[in-house]
Amino acid sequence: MRNTKLTSLATAGALLTVASITIPVQAQMIAPPARVDVYSNMPQVGPGDDPANWSARQNVVESNRYEHLTHTNPAFRAARIRKECGPITEPGLYQQCVATFR
């Protein structure tokens, strides 16, 4: 009985000694990403969406500028058609969408 206790104590001591030995490890530093993309289901708002910053006159000015660009700049018009009409898969609806830019 005494040998069993002694053996148990010796084994426990050996296990504690092994567990307490630490192996030196070097931490590897990872550079932070150059750009962080944040994805959110929340609506994204800009300064112009704040009622305190909204101006009817500015809205008319921006609308006229947009209309002018869609009628005079083919690259701008093509980009807007891709953005606004591109996701439409129904051919008839797609043609209607494209027709709004003419």
PDB file of N, CA and C in Angstrom:
ATOM      1  N   MET A   1       0.824  -1.178   0.000  1.00  0.00           N
ATOM      2  CA  MET A   1       0.000   0.000   0.000  1.00  0.00           C
ATOM      3  C   MET A   1       0.877   1.253   0.000  1.00  0.00           C
ATOM      4  N   ARG A   2       1.960   1.164   0.796  1.00  0.00           N
ATOM      5  CA  ARG A   2       2.835   2.302   0.880  1.00  0.00           C
ATOM      6  C   ARG A   2       3.550   2.528  -0.455  1.00  0.00           C
ATOM      7  N   ASN A   3       3.917   1.444  -1.146  1.00  0.00           N
ATOM      8  CA  ASN A   3       4.582   1.560  -2.441  1.00  0.00           C
ATOM      9  C   ASN A   3       3.642   2.167  -3.480  1.00  0.00           C
ATOM     10  N   THR A   4       2.360   1.843  -3.390  1.00  0.00           N
ATOM     11  CA  THR A   4       1.387   2.376  -4.337  1.00  0.00           C
ATOM     12  C   THR A   4       1.261   3.880  -4.164  1.00  0.00           C
ATOM     13  N   LYS A   5       1.183   4.336  -2.905  1.00  0.00           N
ATOM     14  CA  LYS A   5       1.088   5.770  -2.653  1.00  0.00           C
ATOM     15  C   LYS A   5       2.358   6.475  -3.114  1.00  0.00           C
ATOM     16  N   LEU A   6       3.478   5.872  -2.834  1.00  0.00           N
ATOM     17  CA  LEU A   6       4.745   6.457  -3.208  1.00  0.00           C
ATOM     18  C   LEU A   6       4.876   6.526  -4.735  1.00  0.00           C
ATOM     19  N   THR A   7       4.431   5.470  -5.398  1.00  0.00           N
ATOM     20  CA  THR A   7       4.477   5.453  -6.856  1.00  0.00           C
ATOM     21  C   THR A   7       3.540   6.509  -7.420  1.00  0.00           C
ATOM     22  N   SER A   8       2.364   6.640  -6.830  1.00  0.00           N
ATOM     23  CA  SER A   8       1.397   7.638  -7.282  1.00  0.00           C
ATOM     24  C   SER A   8       1.945   9.044  -7.097  1.00  0.00           C
ATOM     25  N   LEU A   9       2.551   9.303  -5.957  1.00  0.00           N
ATOM     26  CA  LEU A   9       3.133  10.612  -5.708  1.00  0.00           C
ATOM     27  C   LEU A   9       4.282  10.895  -6.667  1.00  0.00           C
ATOM     28  N   ALA A  10       5.086   9.930  -6.946  1.00  0.00           N
ATOM     29  CA  ALA A  10       6.214  10.112  -7.861  1.00  0.00           C
ATOM     30  C   ALA A  10       5.708  10.384  -9.275  1.00  0.00           C
ATOM     31  N   THR A  11       4.670   9.637  -9.668  1.00  0.00           N
ATOM     32  CA  THR A  11       4.094   9.837 -10.997  1.00  0.00           C
ATOM     33  C   THR A  11       3.476  11.226 -11.099  1.00  0.00           C
ATOM     34  N   ALA A  12       2.712  11.634 -10.075  1.00  0.00           N
ATOM     35  CA  ALA A  12       2.095  12.953 -10.082  1.00  0.00           C
ATOM     36  C   ALA A  12       3.164  14.047 -10.126  1.00  0.00           C
ATOM     37  N   GLY A  13       4.225  13.867  -9.377  1.00  0.00           N
ATOM     38  CA  GLY A  13       5.312  14.842  -9.384  1.00  0.00           C
ATOM     39  C   GLY A  13       5.975  14.930 -10.753  1.00  0.00           C
ATOM     40  N   ALA A  14       6.155  13.782 -11.386  1.00  0.00           N
ATOM     41  CA  ALA A  14       6.774  13.771 -12.711  1.00  0.00           C
ATOM     42  C   ALA A  14       5.862  14.474 -13.729  1.00  0.00           C
ATOM     43  N   LEU A  15       4.561  14.219 -13.641  1.00  0.00           N
ATOM     44  CA  LEU A  15       3.615  14.858 -14.552  1.00  0.00           C
ATOM     45  C   LEU A  15       3.586  16.376 -14.343  1.00  0.00           C
ATOM     46  N   LEU A  16       3.610  16.807 -13.094  1.00  0.00           N
ATOM     47  CA  LEU A  16       3.632  18.243 -12.813  1.00  0.00           C
ATOM     48  C   LEU A  16       4.916  18.884 -13.329  1.00  0.00           C
ATOM     49  N   THR A  17       6.022  18.174 -13.206  1.00  0.00           N
ATOM     50  CA  THR A  17       7.284  18.703 -13.700  1.00  0.00           C
ATOM     51  C   THR A  17       7.239  18.849 -15.222  1.00  0.00           C
ATOM     52  N   VAL A  18       6.723  17.838 -15.901  1.00  0.00           N
ATOM     53  CA  VAL A  18       6.625  17.881 -17.360  1.00  0.00           C
ATOM     54  C   VAL A  18       5.666  18.993 -17.782  1.00  0.00           C
ATOM     55  N   ALA A  19       4.534  19.127 -17.075  1.00  0.00           N
ATOM     56  CA  ALA A  19       3.547  20.138 -17.421  1.00  0.00           C
ATOM     57  C   ALA A  19       4.069  21.551 -17.176  1.00  0.00           C
ATOM     58  N   SER A  20       4.983  21.702 -16.217  1.00  0.00           N
ATOM     59  CA  SER A  20       5.462  23.043 -15.899  1.00  0.00           C
ATOM     60  C   SER A  20       6.595  23.496 -16.817  1.00  0.00           C
ATOM     61  N   ILE A  21       7.165  22.584 -17.577  1.00  0.00           N
ATOM     62  CA  ILE A  21       8.228  22.960 -18.513  1.00  0.00           C
ATOM     63  C   ILE A  21       7.577  23.651 -19.705  1.00  0.00           C
ATOM     64  N   THR A  22       8.031  24.846 -19.983  1.00  0.00           N
ATOM     65  CA  THR A  22       7.475  25.587 -21.115  1.00  0.00           C
ATOM     66  C   THR A  22       8.488  25.639 -22.238  1.00  0.00           C
ATOM     67  N   ILE A  23       7.984  25.533 -23.417  1.00  0.00           N
ATOM     68  CA  ILE A  23       8.834  25.603 -24.592  1.00  0.00           C
ATOM     69  C   ILE A  23       8.762  27.036 -25.101  1.00  0.00           C
ATOM     70  N   PRO A  24       9.901  27.705 -25.270  1.00  0.00           N
ATOM     71  CA  PRO A  24       9.845  29.088 -25.750  1.00  0.00           C
ATOM     72  C   PRO A  24       9.288  29.141 -27.175  1.00  0.00           C
ATOM     73  N   VAL A  25       8.356  30.020 -27.361  1.00  0.00           N
ATOM     74  CA  VAL A  25       7.710  30.181 -28.667  1.00  0.00           C
ATOM     75  C   VAL A  25       7.808  31.644 -29.054  1.00  0.00           C
ATOM     76  N   GLN A  26       8.136  31.898 -30.302  1.00  0.00           N
ATOM     77  CA  GLN A  26       8.209  33.270 -30.779  1.00  0.00           C
ATOM     78  C   GLN A  26       6.881  33.625 -31.446  1.00  0.00           C
ATOM     79  N   ALA A  27       6.319  34.736 -31.021  1.00  0.00           N
ATOM     80  CA  ALA A  27       5.077  35.208 -31.635  1.00  0.00           C
ATOM     81  C   ALA A  27       5.403  35.830 -32.981  1.00  0.00           C
ATOM     82  N   GLN A  28       4.584  35.516 -33.949  1.00  0.00           N
ATOM     83  CA  GLN A  28       4.765  36.107 -35.270  1.00  0.00           C
ATOM     84  C   GLN A  28       3.823  37.288 -35.405  1.00  0.00           C
ATOM     85  N   MET A  29       4.386  38.426 -35.734  1.00  0.00           N
ATOM     86  CA  MET A  29       3.580  39.622 -35.898  1.00  0.00           C
ATOM     87  C   MET A  29       3.030  39.651 -37.316  1.00  0.00           C
ATOM     88  N   ILE A  30       1.744  39.904 -37.427  1.00  0.00           N
ATOM     89  CA  ILE A  30       1.102  40.007 -38.730  1.00  0.00           C
ATOM     90  C   ILE A  30       0.793  41.473 -38.982  1.00  0.00           C
ATOM     91  N   ALA A  31       1.167  41.938 -40.153  1.00  0.00           N
ATOM     92  CA  ALA A  31       0.911  43.331 -40.500  1.00  0.00           C
ATOM     93  C   ALA A  31      -0.596  43.550 -40.629  1.00  0.00           C
ATOM     94  N   PRO A  32      -1.088  44.693 -40.184  1.00  0.00           N
ATOM     95  CA  PRO A  32      -2.525  44.959 -40.312  1.00  0.00           C
ATOM     96  C   PRO A  32      -2.891  45.098 -41.793  1.00  0.00           C
ATOM     97  N   PRO A  33      -4.131  44.760 -42.137  1.00  0.00           N
ATOM     98  CA  PRO A  33      -4.524  44.880 -43.541  1.00  0.00           C
ATOM     99  C   PRO A  33      -4.488  46.327 -43.996  1.00  0.00           C
ATOM    100  N   ALA A  34      -4.205  46.512 -45.281  1.00  0.00           N
ATOM    101  CA  ALA A  34      -4.138  47.865 -45.833  1.00  0.00           C
ATOM    102  C   ALA A  34      -5.518  48.499 -45.878  1.00  0.00           C
ATOM    103  N   ARG A  35      -6.532  47.679 -46.037  1.00  0.00           N
ATOM    104  CA  ARG A  35      -7.891  48.204 -46.151  1.00  0.00           C
ATOM    105  C   ARG A  35      -8.836  47.260 -45.423  1.00  0.00           C
ATOM    106  N   VAL A  36      -9.769  47.815 -44.717  1.00  0.00           N
ATOM    107  CA  VAL A  36     -10.751  47.017 -44.000  1.00  0.00           C
ATOM    108  C   VAL A  36     -12.113  47.292 -44.608  1.00  0.00           C
ATOM    109  N   ASP A  37     -12.783  46.241 -45.067  1.00  0.00           N
ATOM    110  CA  ASP A  37     -14.127  46.376 -45.607  1.00  0.00           C
ATOM    111  C   ASP A  37     -15.128  46.046 -44.520  1.00  0.00           C
ATOM    112  N   VAL A  38     -16.086  46.918 -44.337  1.00  0.00           N
ATOM    113  CA  VAL A  38     -17.118  46.701 -43.338  1.00  0.00           C
ATOM    114  C   VAL A  38     -18.416  46.427 -44.076  1.00  0.00           C
ATOM    115  N   TYR A  39     -19.015  45.295 -43.773  1.00  0.00           N
ATOM    116  CA  TYR A  39     -20.282  44.929 -44.392  1.00  0.00           C
ATOM    117  C   TYR A  39     -21.381  45.070 -43.351  1.00  0.00           C
ATOM    118  N   SER A  40     -22.451  45.687 -43.765  1.00  0.00           N
ATOM    119  CA  SER A  40     -23.543  45.939 -42.826  1.00  0.00           C
ATOM    120  C   SER A  40     -24.870  45.824 -43.557  1.00  0.00           C
ATOM    121  N   ASN A  41     -25.862  45.363 -42.848  1.00  0.00           N
ATOM    122  CA  ASN A  41     -27.206  45.320 -43.411  1.00  0.00           C
ATOM    123  C   ASN A  41     -27.938  46.637 -43.193  1.00  0.00           C
ATOM    124  N   MET A  42     -27.310  47.509 -42.449  1.00  0.00           N
ATOM    125  CA  MET A  42     -27.934  48.796 -42.167  1.00  0.00           C
ATOM    126  C   MET A  42     -27.799  49.707 -43.377  1.00  0.00           C
ATOM    127  N   PRO A  43     -28.785  50.573 -43.607  1.00  0.00           N
ATOM    128  CA  PRO A  43     -28.673  51.514 -44.724  1.00  0.00           C
ATOM    129  C   PRO A  43     -27.491  52.457 -44.512  1.00  0.00           C
ATOM    130  N   GLN A  44     -26.805  52.747 -45.587  1.00  0.00           N
ATOM    131  CA  GLN A  44     -25.676  53.670 -45.530  1.00  0.00           C
ATOM    132  C   GLN A  44     -26.176  55.054 -45.910  1.00  0.00           C
ATOM    133  N   VAL A  45     -25.869  56.025 -45.107  1.00  0.00           N
ATOM    134  CA  VAL A  45     -26.328  57.386 -45.371  1.00  0.00           C
ATOM    135  C   VAL A  45     -25.136  58.297 -45.563  1.00  0.00           C
ATOM    136  N   GLY A  46     -25.363  59.328 -46.338  1.00  0.00           N
ATOM    137  CA  GLY A  46     -24.340  60.331 -46.574  1.00  0.00           C
ATOM    138  C   GLY A  46     -24.770  61.645 -45.958  1.00  0.00           C
ATOM    139  N   PRO A  47     -23.897  62.640 -45.997  1.00  0.00           N
ATOM    140  CA  PRO A  47     -24.229  63.937 -45.407  1.00  0.00           C
ATOM    141  C   PRO A  47     -25.470  64.566 -46.037  1.00  0.00           C
ATOM    142  N   GLY A  48     -25.712  64.290 -47.320  1.00  0.00           N
ATOM    143  CA  GLY A  48     -26.875  64.874 -47.979  1.00  0.00           C
ATOM    144  C   GLY A  48     -28.198  64.249 -47.554  1.00  0.00           C
ATOM    145  N   ASP A  49     -28.133  63.109 -46.840  1.00  0.00           N
ATOM    146  CA  ASP A  49     -29.349  62.446 -46.381  1.00  0.00           C
ATOM    147  C   ASP A  49     -29.883  63.046 -45.083  1.00  0.00           C
ATOM    148  N   ASP A  50     -29.071  63.842 -44.426  1.00  0.00           N
ATOM    149  CA  ASP A  50     -29.481  64.467 -43.174  1.00  0.00           C
ATOM    150  C   ASP A  50     -30.423  65.630 -43.494  1.00  0.00           C
ATOM    151  N   PRO A  51     -31.650  65.639 -42.936  1.00  0.00           N
ATOM    152  CA  PRO A  51     -32.586  66.728 -43.220  1.00  0.00           C
ATOM    153  C   PRO A  51     -32.024  68.115 -42.916  1.00  0.00           C
ATOM    154  N   ALA A  52     -31.107  68.191 -41.974  1.00  0.00           N
ATOM    155  CA  ALA A  52     -30.524  69.494 -41.641  1.00  0.00           C
ATOM    156  C   ALA A  52     -29.637  70.002 -42.781  1.00  0.00           C
ATOM    157  N   ASN A  53     -29.078  69.079 -43.586  1.00  0.00           N
ATOM    158  CA  ASN A  53     -28.200  69.463 -44.686  1.00  0.00           C
ATOM    159  C   ASN A  53     -28.920  69.486 -46.036  1.00  0.00           C
ATOM    160  N   TRP A  54     -30.196  69.137 -46.064  1.00  0.00           N
ATOM    161  CA  TRP A  54     -30.913  69.021 -47.321  1.00  0.00           C
ATOM    162  C   TRP A  54     -31.364  70.389 -47.811  1.00  0.00           C
ATOM    163  N   SER A  55     -31.238  70.580 -49.109  1.00  0.00           N
ATOM    164  CA  SER A  55     -31.642  71.841 -49.705  1.00  0.00           C
ATOM    165  C   SER A  55     -32.376  71.532 -51.006  1.00  0.00           C
ATOM    166  N   ALA A  56     -33.564  72.074 -51.169  1.00  0.00           N
ATOM    167  CA  ALA A  56     -34.336  71.857 -52.394  1.00  0.00           C
ATOM    168  C   ALA A  56     -33.570  72.394 -53.592  1.00  0.00           C
ATOM    169  N   ARG A  57     -32.956  73.534 -53.428  1.00  0.00           N
ATOM    170  CA  ARG A  57     -32.208  74.132 -54.530  1.00  0.00           C
ATOM    171  C   ARG A  57     -31.041  73.243 -54.935  1.00  0.00           C
ATOM    172  N   GLN A  58     -30.295  72.732 -53.939  1.00  0.00           N
ATOM    173  CA  GLN A  58     -29.166  71.850 -54.233  1.00  0.00           C
ATOM    174  C   GLN A  58     -29.639  70.564 -54.908  1.00  0.00           C
ATOM    175  N   ASN A  59     -30.795  70.063 -54.510  1.00  0.00           N
ATOM    176  CA  ASN A  59     -31.352  68.864 -55.123  1.00  0.00           C
ATOM    177  C   ASN A  59     -31.639  69.101 -56.604  1.00  0.00           C
ATOM    178  N   VAL A  60     -32.204  70.259 -56.934  1.00  0.00           N
ATOM    179  CA  VAL A  60     -32.496  70.598 -58.323  1.00  0.00           C
ATOM    180  C   VAL A  60     -31.194  70.725 -59.118  1.00  0.00           C
ATOM    181  N   VAL A  61     -30.190  71.353 -58.526  1.00  0.00           N
ATOM    182  CA  VAL A  61     -28.896  71.523 -59.194  1.00  0.00           C
ATOM    183  C   VAL A  61     -28.282  70.150 -59.496  1.00  0.00           C
ATOM    184  N   GLU A  62     -28.285  69.245 -58.499  1.00  0.00           N
ATOM    185  CA  GLU A  62     -27.706  67.916 -58.690  1.00  0.00           C
ATOM    186  C   GLU A  62     -28.512  67.096 -59.696  1.00  0.00           C
ATOM    187  N   SER A  63     -29.832  67.230 -59.699  1.00  0.00           N
ATOM    188  CA  SER A  63     -30.672  66.516 -60.669  1.00  0.00           C
ATOM    189  C   SER A  63     -30.388  66.998 -62.082  1.00  0.00           C
ATOM    190  N   ASN A  64     -30.259  68.302 -62.258  1.00  0.00           N
ATOM    191  CA  ASN A  64     -29.949  68.843 -63.579  1.00  0.00           C
ATOM    192  C   ASN A  64     -28.573  68.392 -64.060  1.00  0.00           C
ATOM    193  N   ARG A  65     -27.623  68.342 -63.156  1.00  0.00           N
ATOM    194  CA  ARG A  65     -26.277  67.874 -63.515  1.00  0.00           C
ATOM    195  C   ARG A  65     -26.317  66.414 -63.943  1.00  0.00           C
ATOM    196  N   TYR A  66     -27.051  65.589 -63.202  1.00  0.00           N
ATOM    197  CA  TYR A  66     -27.193  64.166 -63.538  1.00  0.00           C
ATOM    198  C   TYR A  66     -27.836  64.007 -64.920  1.00  0.00           C
ATOM    199  N   GLU A  67     -28.916  64.721 -65.163  1.00  0.00           N
ATOM    200  CA  GLU A  67     -29.601  64.651 -66.466  1.00  0.00           C
ATOM    201  C   GLU A  67     -28.670  65.089 -67.589  1.00  0.00           C
ATOM    202  N   HIS A  68     -27.926  66.164 -67.356  1.00  0.00           N
ATOM    203  CA  HIS A  68     -26.995  66.658 -68.368  1.00  0.00           C
ATOM    204  C   HIS A  68     -25.937  65.591 -68.688  1.00  0.00           C
ATOM    205  N   LEU A  69     -25.386  64.962 -67.646  1.00  0.00           N
ATOM    206  CA  LEU A  69     -24.357  63.942 -67.854  1.00  0.00           C
ATOM    207  C   LEU A  69     -24.915  62.725 -68.594  1.00  0.00           C
ATOM    208  N   THR A  70     -26.120  62.297 -68.246  1.00  0.00           N
ATOM    209  CA  THR A  70     -26.675  61.119 -68.921  1.00  0.00           C
ATOM    210  C   THR A  70     -26.978  61.401 -70.382  1.00  0.00           C
ATOM    211  N   HIS A  71     -27.226  62.650 -70.743  1.00  0.00           N
ATOM    212  CA  HIS A  71     -27.537  62.980 -72.132  1.00  0.00           C
ATOM    213  C   HIS A  71     -26.303  63.349 -72.953  1.00  0.00           C
ATOM    214  N   THR A  72     -25.228  63.790 -72.306  1.00  0.00           N
ATOM    215  CA  THR A  72     -24.077  64.275 -73.064  1.00  0.00           C
ATOM    216  C   THR A  72     -22.823  63.418 -72.930  1.00  0.00           C
ATOM    217  N   ASN A  73     -22.745  62.565 -71.933  1.00  0.00           N
ATOM    218  CA  ASN A  73     -21.532  61.778 -71.690  1.00  0.00           C
ATOM    219  C   ASN A  73     -21.847  60.290 -71.849  1.00  0.00           C
ATOM    220  N   PRO A  74     -21.466  59.688 -72.983  1.00  0.00           N
ATOM    221  CA  PRO A  74     -21.789  58.279 -73.224  1.00  0.00           C
ATOM    222  C   PRO A  74     -21.191  57.326 -72.181  1.00  0.00           C
ATOM    223  N   ALA A  75     -19.991  57.616 -71.696  1.00  0.00           N
ATOM    224  CA  ALA A  75     -19.366  56.750 -70.695  1.00  0.00           C
ATOM    225  C   ALA A  75     -20.154  56.788 -69.385  1.00  0.00           C
ATOM    226  N   PHE A  76     -20.587  57.981 -68.979  1.00  0.00           N
ATOM    227  CA  PHE A  76     -21.378  58.112 -67.752  1.00  0.00           C
ATOM    228  C   PHE A  76     -22.713  57.379 -67.924  1.00  0.00           C
ATOM    229  N   ARG A  77     -23.358  57.578 -69.094  1.00  0.00           N
ATOM    230  CA  ARG A  77     -24.647  56.933 -69.356  1.00  0.00           C
ATOM    231  C   ARG A  77     -24.499  55.404 -69.325  1.00  0.00           C
ATOM    232  N   ALA A  78     -23.451  54.890 -69.958  1.00  0.00           N
ATOM    233  CA  ALA A  78     -23.231  53.437 -69.981  1.00  0.00           C
ATOM    234  C   ALA A  78     -22.993  52.895 -68.568  1.00  0.00           C
ATOM    235  N   ALA A  79     -22.244  53.639 -67.768  1.00  0.00           N
ATOM    236  CA  ALA A  79     -21.991  53.200 -66.383  1.00  0.00           C
ATOM    237  C   ALA A  79     -23.284  53.175 -65.575  1.00  0.00           C
ATOM    238  N   ARG A  80     -24.130  54.192 -65.748  1.00  0.00           N
ATOM    239  CA  ARG A  80     -25.406  54.229 -65.024  1.00  0.00           C
ATOM    240  C   ARG A  80     -26.340  53.113 -65.491  1.00  0.00           C
ATOM    241  N   ILE A  81     -26.335  52.821 -66.797  1.00  0.00           N
ATOM    242  CA  ILE A  81     -27.170  51.731 -67.316  1.00  0.00           C
ATOM    243  C   ILE A  81     -26.701  50.407 -66.715  1.00  0.00           C
ATOM    244  N   ARG A  82     -25.381  50.185 -66.665  1.00  0.00           N
ATOM    245  CA  ARG A  82     -24.862  48.953 -66.052  1.00  0.00           C
ATOM    246  C   ARG A  82     -25.279  48.855 -64.595  1.00  0.00           C
ATOM    247  N   LYS A  83     -25.173  49.970 -63.879  1.00  0.00           N
ATOM    248  CA  LYS A  83     -25.482  49.938 -62.446  1.00  0.00           C
ATOM    249  C   LYS A  83     -26.975  49.779 -62.181  1.00  0.00           C
ATOM    250  N   GLU A  84     -27.808  50.503 -62.906  1.00  0.00           N
ATOM    251  CA  GLU A  84     -29.241  50.507 -62.622  1.00  0.00           C
ATOM    252  C   GLU A  84     -30.004  49.405 -63.341  1.00  0.00           C
ATOM    253  N   CYS A  85     -29.580  49.062 -64.559  1.00  0.00           N
ATOM    254  CA  CYS A  85     -30.330  48.077 -65.347  1.00  0.00           C
ATOM    255  C   CYS A  85     -29.652  46.710 -65.368  1.00  0.00           C
ATOM    256  N   GLY A  86     -28.375  46.655 -65.039  1.00  0.00           N
ATOM    257  CA  GLY A  86     -27.617  45.408 -65.110  1.00  0.00           C
ATOM    258  C   GLY A  86     -28.222  44.239 -64.359  1.00  0.00           C
ATOM    259  N   PRO A  87     -28.739  44.431 -63.149  1.00  0.00           N
ATOM    260  CA  PRO A  87     -29.287  43.296 -62.397  1.00  0.00           C
ATOM    261  C   PRO A  87     -30.620  42.772 -62.950  1.00  0.00           C
ATOM    262  N   ILE A  88     -31.241  43.478 -63.870  1.00  0.00           N
ATOM    263  CA  ILE A  88     -32.549  43.066 -64.397  1.00  0.00           C
ATOM    264  C   ILE A  88     -32.334  41.953 -65.413  1.00  0.00           C
ATOM    265  N   THR A  89     -32.950  40.786 -65.169  1.00  0.00           N
ATOM    266  CA  THR A  89     -32.757  39.631 -66.046  1.00  0.00           C
ATOM    267  C   THR A  89     -33.883  39.465 -67.058  1.00  0.00           C
ATOM    268  N   GLU A  90     -35.031  40.045 -66.821  1.00  0.00           N
ATOM    269  CA  GLU A  90     -36.166  39.977 -67.754  1.00  0.00           C
ATOM    270  C   GLU A  90     -35.870  40.900 -68.934  1.00  0.00           C
ATOM    271  N   PRO A  91     -35.779  40.354 -70.171  1.00  0.00           N
ATOM    272  CA  PRO A  91     -35.395  41.181 -71.331  1.00  0.00           C
ATOM    273  C   PRO A  91     -36.295  42.398 -71.546  1.00  0.00           C
ATOM    274  N   GLY A  92     -37.607  42.230 -71.423  1.00  0.00           N
ATOM    275  CA  GLY A  92     -38.513  43.357 -71.634  1.00  0.00           C
ATOM    276  C   GLY A  92     -38.307  44.467 -70.618  1.00  0.00           C
ATOM    277  N   LEU A  93     -38.156  44.084 -69.365  1.00  0.00           N
ATOM    278  CA  LEU A  93     -37.938  45.079 -68.311  1.00  0.00           C
ATOM    279  C   LEU A  93     -36.570  45.746 -68.472  1.00  0.00           C
ATOM    280  N   TYR A  94     -35.595  44.964 -68.908  1.00  0.00           N
ATOM    281  CA  TYR A  94     -34.263  45.528 -69.134  1.00  0.00           C
ATOM    282  C   TYR A  94     -34.337  46.600 -70.224  1.00  0.00           C
ATOM    283  N   GLN A  95     -35.025  46.307 -71.318  1.00  0.00           N
ATOM    284  CA  GLN A  95     -35.147  47.287 -72.415  1.00  0.00           C
ATOM    285  C   GLN A  95     -35.885  48.548 -71.948  1.00  0.00           C
ATOM    286  N   GLN A  96     -36.894  48.367 -71.107  1.00  0.00           N
ATOM    287  CA  GLN A  96     -37.605  49.539 -70.563  1.00  0.00           C
ATOM    288  C   GLN A  96     -36.667  50.384 -69.717  1.00  0.00           C
ATOM    289  N   CYS A  97     -35.849  49.726 -68.930  1.00  0.00           N
ATOM    290  CA  CYS A  97     -34.902  50.445 -68.077  1.00  0.00           C
ATOM    291  C   CYS A  97     -33.910  51.217 -68.933  1.00  0.00           C
ATOM    292  N   VAL A  98     -33.350  50.575 -69.936  1.00  0.00           N
ATOM    293  CA  VAL A  98     -32.374  51.235 -70.817  1.00  0.00           C
ATOM    294  C   VAL A  98     -33.041  52.415 -71.552  1.00  0.00           C
ATOM    295  N   ALA A  99     -34.301  52.252 -71.924  1.00  0.00           N
ATOM    296  CA  ALA A  99     -35.011  53.313 -72.651  1.00  0.00           C
ATOM    297  C   ALA A  99     -35.153  54.572 -71.797  1.00  0.00           C
ATOM    298  N   THR A 100     -35.147  54.450 -70.486  1.00  0.00           N
ATOM    299  CA  THR A 100     -35.282  55.643 -69.632  1.00  0.00           C
ATOM    300  C   THR A 100     -34.048  56.540 -69.722  1.00  0.00           C
ATOM    301  N   PHE A 101     -32.953  56.029 -70.281  1.00  0.00           N
ATOM    302  CA  PHE A 101     -31.729  56.813 -70.406  1.00  0.00           C
ATOM    303  C   PHE A 101     -31.627  57.531 -71.740  1.00  0.00           C
ATOM    304  N   ARG A 102     -32.652  57.412 -72.587  1.00  0.00           N
ATOM    305  CA  ARG A 102     -32.606  58.056 -73.911  1.00  0.00           C
ATOM    306  C   ARG A 102     -33.433  59.296 -73.911  1.00  0.00           C
TER     307      ARG A 102
END
